[in-house]
Amino acid sequence: ERELNNLFSLSGENEKHYIEGQVLFIDSFA
């Protein structure tokens, strides 16, 4: 997870899609 975060959270414009994916997964718990 740390390695994924280090790679994908530093990617500028596409970072929002990374964060959206995190939110979508957490929302699936509903």
PDB file of all heavy atoms in Angstrom:
ATOM      1  N   GLU A   1       0.844  -1.200   0.000  1.00  0.00           N
ATOM      2  CA  GLU A   1       0.000   0.000   0.000  1.00  0.00           C
ATOM      3  C   GLU A   1       0.875   1.245   0.000  1.00  0.00           C
ATOM      4  O   GLU A   1       0.609   2.196  -0.738  1.00  0.00           O
ATOM      5  CB  GLU A   1      -0.937   0.021   1.208  1.00  0.00           C
ATOM      6  CG  GLU A   1      -1.953   1.150   1.174  1.00  0.00           C
ATOM      7  CD  GLU A   1      -1.393   2.529   1.471  1.00  0.00           C
ATOM      8  OE1 GLU A   1      -0.538   2.648   2.373  1.00  0.00           O
ATOM      9  OE2 GLU A   1      -1.806   3.500   0.809  1.00  0.00           O
ATOM     10  N   ARG A   2       1.917   1.242   0.797  1.00  0.00           N
ATOM     11  CA  ARG A   2       2.823   2.405   0.842  1.00  0.00           C
ATOM     12  C   ARG A   2       3.478   2.635  -0.518  1.00  0.00           C
ATOM     13  O   ARG A   2       3.616   3.771  -0.964  1.00  0.00           O
ATOM     14  CB  ARG A   2       3.882   2.213   1.918  1.00  0.00           C
ATOM     15  CG  ARG A   2       3.337   2.416   3.302  1.00  0.00           C
ATOM     16  CD  ARG A   2       4.409   2.294   4.350  1.00  0.00           C
ATOM     17  NE  ARG A   2       3.815   2.466   5.672  1.00  0.00           N
ATOM     18  CZ  ARG A   2       4.342   2.005   6.778  1.00  0.00           C
ATOM     19  NH1 ARG A   2       5.489   1.330   6.747  1.00  0.00           N
ATOM     20  NH2 ARG A   2       3.754   2.205   7.935  1.00  0.00           N
ATOM     21  N   GLU A   3       3.872   1.557  -1.158  1.00  0.00           N
ATOM     22  CA  GLU A   3       4.507   1.703  -2.467  1.00  0.00           C
ATOM     23  C   GLU A   3       3.510   2.232  -3.499  1.00  0.00           C
ATOM     24  O   GLU A   3       3.839   3.113  -4.298  1.00  0.00           O
ATOM     25  CB  GLU A   3       5.123   0.388  -2.931  1.00  0.00           C
ATOM     26  CG  GLU A   3       6.024   0.582  -4.121  1.00  0.00           C
ATOM     27  CD  GLU A   3       7.004  -0.549  -4.348  1.00  0.00           C
ATOM     28  OE1 GLU A   3       7.046  -1.500  -3.545  1.00  0.00           O
ATOM     29  OE2 GLU A   3       7.721  -0.475  -5.354  1.00  0.00           O
ATOM     30  N   LEU A   4       2.294   1.705  -3.486  1.00  0.00           N
ATOM     31  CA  LEU A   4       1.257   2.233  -4.388  1.00  0.00           C
ATOM     32  C   LEU A   4       1.044   3.721  -4.141  1.00  0.00           C
ATOM     33  O   LEU A   4       0.995   4.516  -5.076  1.00  0.00           O
ATOM     34  CB  LEU A   4      -0.075   1.521  -4.143  1.00  0.00           C
ATOM     35  CG  LEU A   4      -0.428   0.298  -4.939  1.00  0.00           C
ATOM     36  CD1 LEU A   4      -1.792  -0.214  -4.505  1.00  0.00           C
ATOM     37  CD2 LEU A   4      -0.397   0.534  -6.416  1.00  0.00           C
ATOM     38  N   ASN A   5       0.920   4.077  -2.883  1.00  0.00           N
ATOM     39  CA  ASN A   5       0.671   5.472  -2.524  1.00  0.00           C
ATOM     40  C   ASN A   5       1.833   6.362  -2.980  1.00  0.00           C
ATOM     41  O   ASN A   5       1.607   7.444  -3.519  1.00  0.00           O
ATOM     42  CB  ASN A   5       0.445   5.598  -1.027  1.00  0.00           C
ATOM     43  CG  ASN A   5      -0.140   6.934  -0.662  1.00  0.00           C
ATOM     44  OD1 ASN A   5      -1.145   7.357  -1.216  1.00  0.00           O
ATOM     45  ND2 ASN A   5       0.494   7.615   0.269  1.00  0.00           N
ATOM     46  N   ASN A   6       3.048   5.904  -2.780  1.00  0.00           N
ATOM     47  CA  ASN A   6       4.210   6.686  -3.204  1.00  0.00           C
ATOM     48  C   ASN A   6       4.231   6.887  -4.714  1.00  0.00           C
ATOM     49  O   ASN A   6       4.596   7.954  -5.192  1.00  0.00           O
ATOM     50  CB  ASN A   6       5.516   6.015  -2.761  1.00  0.00           C
ATOM     51  CG  ASN A   6       5.759   6.152  -1.281  1.00  0.00           C
ATOM     52  OD1 ASN A   6       5.220   7.040  -0.622  1.00  0.00           O
ATOM     53  ND2 ASN A   6       6.555   5.258  -0.740  1.00  0.00           N
ATOM     54  N   LEU A   7       3.832   5.896  -5.458  1.00  0.00           N
ATOM     55  CA  LEU A   7       3.846   5.995  -6.916  1.00  0.00           C
ATOM     56  C   LEU A   7       2.688   6.818  -7.473  1.00  0.00           C
ATOM     57  O   LEU A   7       2.869   7.663  -8.336  1.00  0.00           O
ATOM     58  CB  LEU A   7       3.803   4.602  -7.548  1.00  0.00           C
ATOM     59  CG  LEU A   7       5.078   3.784  -7.454  1.00  0.00           C
ATOM     60  CD1 LEU A   7       4.798   2.341  -7.858  1.00  0.00           C
ATOM     61  CD2 LEU A   7       6.166   4.384  -8.329  1.00  0.00           C
ATOM     62  N   PHE A   8       1.495   6.560  -6.979  1.00  0.00           N
ATOM     63  CA  PHE A   8       0.301   7.117  -7.618  1.00  0.00           C
ATOM     64  C   PHE A   8      -0.201   8.427  -7.019  1.00  0.00           C
ATOM     65  O   PHE A   8      -0.950   9.135  -7.659  1.00  0.00           O
ATOM     66  CB  PHE A   8      -0.828   6.086  -7.632  1.00  0.00           C
ATOM     67  CG  PHE A   8      -0.601   4.994  -8.626  1.00  0.00           C
ATOM     68  CD1 PHE A   8       0.090   3.848  -8.278  1.00  0.00           C
ATOM     69  CD2 PHE A   8      -1.069   5.113  -9.921  1.00  0.00           C
ATOM     70  CE1 PHE A   8       0.323   2.840  -9.193  1.00  0.00           C
ATOM     71  CE2 PHE A   8      -0.847   4.109 -10.853  1.00  0.00           C
ATOM     72  CZ  PHE A   8      -0.148   2.974 -10.487  1.00  0.00           C
ATOM     73  N   SER A   9       0.207   8.755  -5.812  1.00  0.00           N
ATOM     74  CA  SER A   9      -0.310   9.988  -5.222  1.00  0.00           C
ATOM     75  C   SER A   9       0.520  11.204  -5.623  1.00  0.00           C
ATOM     76  O   SER A   9       0.161  12.323  -5.304  1.00  0.00           O
ATOM     77  CB  SER A   9      -0.373   9.870  -3.702  1.00  0.00           C
ATOM     78  OG  SER A   9       0.931   9.790  -3.161  1.00  0.00           O
ATOM     79  N   LEU A  10       1.602  11.011  -6.322  1.00  0.00           N
ATOM     80  CA  LEU A  10       2.461  12.121  -6.743  1.00  0.00           C
ATOM     81  C   LEU A  10       2.302  12.428  -8.216  1.00  0.00           C
ATOM     82  O   LEU A  10       3.212  12.945  -8.847  1.00  0.00           O
ATOM     83  CB  LEU A  10       3.935  11.772  -6.461  1.00  0.00           C
ATOM     84  CG  LEU A  10       4.274  11.449  -5.027  1.00  0.00           C
ATOM     85  CD1 LEU A  10       5.704  10.962  -4.921  1.00  0.00           C
ATOM     86  CD2 LEU A  10       4.051  12.656  -4.140  1.00  0.00           C
ATOM     87  N   SER A  11       1.165  12.120  -8.762  1.00  0.00           N
ATOM     88  CA  SER A  11       1.039  12.138 -10.211  1.00  0.00           C
ATOM     89  C   SER A  11       0.208  13.297 -10.749  1.00  0.00           C
ATOM     90  O   SER A  11      -0.365  13.191 -11.814  1.00  0.00           O
ATOM     91  CB  SER A  11       0.455  10.807 -10.666  1.00  0.00           C
ATOM     92  OG  SER A  11      -0.718  10.540  -9.949  1.00  0.00           O
ATOM     93  N   GLY A  12       0.133  14.385 -10.033  1.00  0.00           N
ATOM     94  CA  GLY A  12      -0.520  15.580 -10.553  1.00  0.00           C
ATOM     95  C   GLY A  12      -1.995  15.406 -10.839  1.00  0.00           C
ATOM     96  O   GLY A  12      -2.771  14.999  -9.985  1.00  0.00           O
ATOM     97  N   GLU A  13      -2.370  15.704 -12.072  1.00  0.00           N
ATOM     98  CA  GLU A  13      -3.782  15.720 -12.477  1.00  0.00           C
ATOM     99  C   GLU A  13      -4.502  14.405 -12.210  1.00  0.00           C
ATOM    100  O   GLU A  13      -5.652  14.394 -11.800  1.00  0.00           O
ATOM    101  CB  GLU A  13      -3.881  16.071 -13.970  1.00  0.00           C
ATOM    102  CG  GLU A  13      -5.285  16.132 -14.513  1.00  0.00           C
ATOM    103  CD  GLU A  13      -6.149  17.200 -13.866  1.00  0.00           C
ATOM    104  OE1 GLU A  13      -5.601  18.234 -13.437  1.00  0.00           O
ATOM    105  OE2 GLU A  13      -7.371  16.994 -13.780  1.00  0.00           O
ATOM    106  N   ASN A  14      -3.853  13.289 -12.419  1.00  0.00           N
ATOM    107  CA  ASN A  14      -4.515  12.002 -12.232  1.00  0.00           C
ATOM    108  C   ASN A  14      -4.630  11.585 -10.774  1.00  0.00           C
ATOM    109  O   ASN A  14      -5.300  10.603 -10.467  1.00  0.00           O
ATOM    110  CB  ASN A  14      -3.799  10.911 -13.040  1.00  0.00           C
ATOM    111  CG  ASN A  14      -4.176  10.957 -14.499  1.00  0.00           C
ATOM    112  OD1 ASN A  14      -5.331  11.165 -14.834  1.00  0.00           O
ATOM    113  ND2 ASN A  14      -3.207  10.778 -15.358  1.00  0.00           N
ATOM    114  N   GLU A  15      -3.989  12.336  -9.892  1.00  0.00           N
ATOM    115  CA  GLU A  15      -4.079  12.009  -8.469  1.00  0.00           C
ATOM    116  C   GLU A  15      -5.535  12.007  -7.992  1.00  0.00           C
ATOM    117  O   GLU A  15      -5.916  11.207  -7.154  1.00  0.00           O
ATOM    118  CB  GLU A  15      -3.260  12.995  -7.639  1.00  0.00           C
ATOM    119  CG  GLU A  15      -3.261  12.667  -6.166  1.00  0.00           C
ATOM    120  CD  GLU A  15      -2.405  13.622  -5.364  1.00  0.00           C
ATOM    121  OE1 GLU A  15      -1.814  14.548  -5.921  1.00  0.00           O
ATOM    122  OE2 GLU A  15      -2.343  13.432  -4.142  1.00  0.00           O
ATOM    123  N   LYS A  16      -6.362  12.865  -8.564  1.00  0.00           N
ATOM    124  CA  LYS A  16      -7.769  12.914  -8.143  1.00  0.00           C
ATOM    125  C   LYS A  16      -8.465  11.581  -8.428  1.00  0.00           C
ATOM    126  O   LYS A  16      -9.318  11.150  -7.664  1.00  0.00           O
ATOM    127  CB  LYS A  16      -8.515  14.068  -8.799  1.00  0.00           C
ATOM    128  CG  LYS A  16      -8.721  13.930 -10.283  1.00  0.00           C
ATOM    129  CD  LYS A  16      -9.456  15.127 -10.870  1.00  0.00           C
ATOM    130  CE  LYS A  16      -9.602  14.933 -12.360  1.00  0.00           C
ATOM    131  NZ  LYS A  16     -10.204  16.078 -12.995  1.00  0.00           N
ATOM    132  N   HIS A  17      -8.094  10.897  -9.506  1.00  0.00           N
ATOM    133  CA  HIS A  17      -8.693   9.595  -9.819  1.00  0.00           C
ATOM    134  C   HIS A  17      -8.246   8.537  -8.802  1.00  0.00           C
ATOM    135  O   HIS A  17      -9.007   7.645  -8.450  1.00  0.00           O
ATOM    136  CB  HIS A  17      -8.336   9.157 -11.236  1.00  0.00           C
ATOM    137  CG  HIS A  17      -8.835  10.103 -12.277  1.00  0.00           C
ATOM    138  ND1 HIS A  17     -10.173  10.300 -12.537  1.00  0.00           N
ATOM    139  CD2 HIS A  17      -8.174  10.942 -13.105  1.00  0.00           C
ATOM    140  CE1 HIS A  17     -10.313  11.205 -13.476  1.00  0.00           C
ATOM    141  NE2 HIS A  17      -9.115  11.611 -13.841  1.00  0.00           N
ATOM    142  N   TYR A  18      -7.020   8.662  -8.346  1.00  0.00           N
ATOM    143  CA  TYR A  18      -6.487   7.766  -7.315  1.00  0.00           C
ATOM    144  C   TYR A  18      -7.299   7.932  -6.023  1.00  0.00           C
ATOM    145  O   TYR A  18      -7.769   6.950  -5.442  1.00  0.00           O
ATOM    146  CB  TYR A  18      -5.010   8.097  -7.088  1.00  0.00           C
ATOM    147  CG  TYR A  18      -4.335   7.285  -6.010  1.00  0.00           C
ATOM    148  CD1 TYR A  18      -3.948   5.972  -6.249  1.00  0.00           C
ATOM    149  CD2 TYR A  18      -4.057   7.839  -4.770  1.00  0.00           C
ATOM    150  CE1 TYR A  18      -3.305   5.232  -5.269  1.00  0.00           C
ATOM    151  CE2 TYR A  18      -3.416   7.108  -3.789  1.00  0.00           C
ATOM    152  CZ  TYR A  18      -3.037   5.805  -4.046  1.00  0.00           C
ATOM    153  OH  TYR A  18      -2.406   5.076  -3.073  1.00  0.00           O
ATOM    154  N   ILE A  19      -7.515   9.170  -5.633  1.00  0.00           N
ATOM    155  CA  ILE A  19      -8.274   9.455  -4.413  1.00  0.00           C
ATOM    156  C   ILE A  19      -9.734   9.036  -4.581  1.00  0.00           C
ATOM    157  O   ILE A  19     -10.337   8.483  -3.663  1.00  0.00           O
ATOM    158  CB  ILE A  19      -8.143  10.943  -4.031  1.00  0.00           C
ATOM    159  CG1 ILE A  19      -6.685  11.226  -3.640  1.00  0.00           C
ATOM    160  CG2 ILE A  19      -9.096  11.320  -2.905  1.00  0.00           C
ATOM    161  CD1 ILE A  19      -6.333  12.679  -3.519  1.00  0.00           C
ATOM    162  N   GLU A  20     -10.307   9.287  -5.751  1.00  0.00           N
ATOM    163  CA  GLU A  20     -11.683   8.850  -6.024  1.00  0.00           C
ATOM    164  C   GLU A  20     -11.813   7.340  -5.882  1.00  0.00           C
ATOM    165  O   GLU A  20     -12.813   6.845  -5.366  1.00  0.00           O
ATOM    166  CB  GLU A  20     -12.121   9.286  -7.420  1.00  0.00           C
ATOM    167  CG  GLU A  20     -12.399  10.758  -7.552  1.00  0.00           C
ATOM    168  CD  GLU A  20     -12.610  11.209  -8.981  1.00  0.00           C
ATOM    169  OE1 GLU A  20     -12.515  10.384  -9.924  1.00  0.00           O
ATOM    170  OE2 GLU A  20     -12.871  12.409  -9.176  1.00  0.00           O
ATOM    171  N   GLY A  21     -10.815   6.603  -6.344  1.00  0.00           N
ATOM    172  CA  GLY A  21     -10.821   5.148  -6.199  1.00  0.00           C
ATOM    173  C   GLY A  21     -10.825   4.732  -4.742  1.00  0.00           C
ATOM    174  O   GLY A  21     -11.550   3.806  -4.352  1.00  0.00           O
ATOM    175  N   GLN A  22     -10.037   5.424  -3.927  1.00  0.00           N
ATOM    176  CA  GLN A  22     -10.026   5.121  -2.496  1.00  0.00           C
ATOM    177  C   GLN A  22     -11.409   5.346  -1.886  1.00  0.00           C
ATOM    178  O   GLN A  22     -11.911   4.515  -1.133  1.00  0.00           O
ATOM    179  CB  GLN A  22      -8.985   5.978  -1.779  1.00  0.00           C
ATOM    180  CG  GLN A  22      -7.566   5.590  -2.109  1.00  0.00           C
ATOM    181  CD  GLN A  22      -6.545   6.480  -1.442  1.00  0.00           C
ATOM    182  OE1 GLN A  22      -6.707   7.689  -1.386  1.00  0.00           O
ATOM    183  NE2 GLN A  22      -5.481   5.866  -0.953  1.00  0.00           N
ATOM    184  N   VAL A  23     -12.020   6.452  -2.231  1.00  0.00           N
ATOM    185  CA  VAL A  23     -13.350   6.777  -1.702  1.00  0.00           C
ATOM    186  C   VAL A  23     -14.381   5.756  -2.174  1.00  0.00           C
ATOM    187  O   VAL A  23     -15.220   5.297  -1.387  1.00  0.00           O
ATOM    188  CB  VAL A  23     -13.758   8.213  -2.094  1.00  0.00           C
ATOM    189  CG1 VAL A  23     -15.212   8.493  -1.753  1.00  0.00           C
ATOM    190  CG2 VAL A  23     -12.834   9.226  -1.424  1.00  0.00           C
ATOM    191  N   LEU A  24     -14.330   5.374  -3.436  1.00  0.00           N
ATOM    192  CA  LEU A  24     -15.279   4.387  -3.963  1.00  0.00           C
ATOM    193  C   LEU A  24     -15.182   3.056  -3.226  1.00  0.00           C
ATOM    194  O   LEU A  24     -16.200   2.429  -2.925  1.00  0.00           O
ATOM    195  CB  LEU A  24     -15.060   4.168  -5.459  1.00  0.00           C
ATOM    196  CG  LEU A  24     -15.550   5.276  -6.371  1.00  0.00           C
ATOM    197  CD1 LEU A  24     -15.059   5.052  -7.797  1.00  0.00           C
ATOM    198  CD2 LEU A  24     -17.065   5.372  -6.330  1.00  0.00           C
ATOM    199  N   PHE A  25     -13.951   2.626  -2.938  1.00  0.00           N
ATOM    200  CA  PHE A  25     -13.805   1.364  -2.217  1.00  0.00           C
ATOM    201  C   PHE A  25     -14.396   1.476  -0.817  1.00  0.00           C
ATOM    202  O   PHE A  25     -15.133   0.597  -0.377  1.00  0.00           O
ATOM    203  CB  PHE A  25     -12.347   0.915  -2.138  1.00  0.00           C
ATOM    204  CG  PHE A  25     -12.217  -0.437  -1.493  1.00  0.00           C
ATOM    205  CD1 PHE A  25     -12.466  -1.584  -2.221  1.00  0.00           C
ATOM    206  CD2 PHE A  25     -11.916  -0.574  -0.145  1.00  0.00           C
ATOM    207  CE1 PHE A  25     -12.395  -2.841  -1.627  1.00  0.00           C
ATOM    208  CE2 PHE A  25     -11.835  -1.821   0.458  1.00  0.00           C
ATOM    209  CZ  PHE A  25     -12.075  -2.956  -0.285  1.00  0.00           C
ATOM    210  N   ILE A  26     -14.111   2.544  -0.141  1.00  0.00           N
ATOM    211  CA  ILE A  26     -14.641   2.730   1.217  1.00  0.00           C
ATOM    212  C   ILE A  26     -16.160   2.819   1.183  1.00  0.00           C
ATOM    213  O   ILE A  26     -16.836   2.252   2.041  1.00  0.00           O
ATOM    214  CB  ILE A  26     -13.996   3.958   1.878  1.00  0.00           C
ATOM    215  CG1 ILE A  26     -12.501   3.666   2.118  1.00  0.00           C
ATOM    216  CG2 ILE A  26     -14.702   4.324   3.181  1.00  0.00           C
ATOM    217  CD1 ILE A  26     -11.665   4.854   2.479  1.00  0.00           C
ATOM    218  N   ASP A  27     -16.710   3.487   0.177  1.00  0.00           N
ATOM    219  CA  ASP A  27     -18.166   3.583   0.032  1.00  0.00           C
ATOM    220  C   ASP A  27     -18.825   2.216  -0.167  1.00  0.00           C
ATOM    221  O   ASP A  27     -19.995   2.031   0.169  1.00  0.00           O
ATOM    222  CB  ASP A  27     -18.545   4.493  -1.139  1.00  0.00           C
ATOM    223  CG  ASP A  27     -18.421   5.957  -0.806  1.00  0.00           C
ATOM    224  OD1 ASP A  27     -18.243   6.304   0.380  1.00  0.00           O
ATOM    225  OD2 ASP A  27     -18.485   6.775  -1.752  1.00  0.00           O
ATOM    226  N   SER A  28     -18.098   1.252  -0.714  1.00  0.00           N
ATOM    227  CA  SER A  28     -18.677  -0.074  -0.955  1.00  0.00           C
ATOM    228  C   SER A  28     -19.066  -0.771   0.347  1.00  0.00           C
ATOM    229  O   SER A  28     -19.882  -1.683   0.348  1.00  0.00           O
ATOM    230  CB  SER A  28     -17.720  -0.947  -1.771  1.00  0.00           C
ATOM    231  OG  SER A  28     -16.557  -1.256  -1.038  1.00  0.00           O
ATOM    232  N   PHE A  29     -18.532  -0.315   1.462  1.00  0.00           N
ATOM    233  CA  PHE A  29     -18.879  -0.908   2.749  1.00  0.00           C
ATOM    234  C   PHE A  29     -20.310  -0.593   3.158  1.00  0.00           C
ATOM    235  O   PHE A  29     -20.878  -1.275   4.011  1.00  0.00           O
ATOM    236  CB  PHE A  29     -17.899  -0.454   3.840  1.00  0.00           C
ATOM    237  CG  PHE A  29     -16.591  -1.176   3.772  1.00  0.00           C
ATOM    238  CD1 PHE A  29     -15.644  -0.822   2.843  1.00  0.00           C
ATOM    239  CD2 PHE A  29     -16.327  -2.236   4.611  1.00  0.00           C
ATOM    240  CE1 PHE A  29     -14.440  -1.489   2.754  1.00  0.00           C
ATOM    241  CE2 PHE A  29     -15.127  -2.921   4.537  1.00  0.00           C
ATOM    242  CZ  PHE A  29     -14.185  -2.548   3.602  1.00  0.00           C
ATOM    243  N   ALA A  30     -20.908   0.392   2.558  1.00  0.00           N
ATOM    244  CA  ALA A  30     -22.296   0.732   2.860  1.00  0.00           C
ATOM    245  C   ALA A  30     -23.255  -0.347   2.381  1.00  0.00           C
ATOM    246  O   ALA A  30     -24.394  -0.418   2.834  1.00  0.00           O
ATOM    247  CB  ALA A  30     -22.664   2.066   2.228  1.00  0.00           C
TER     248      ALA A  30
END
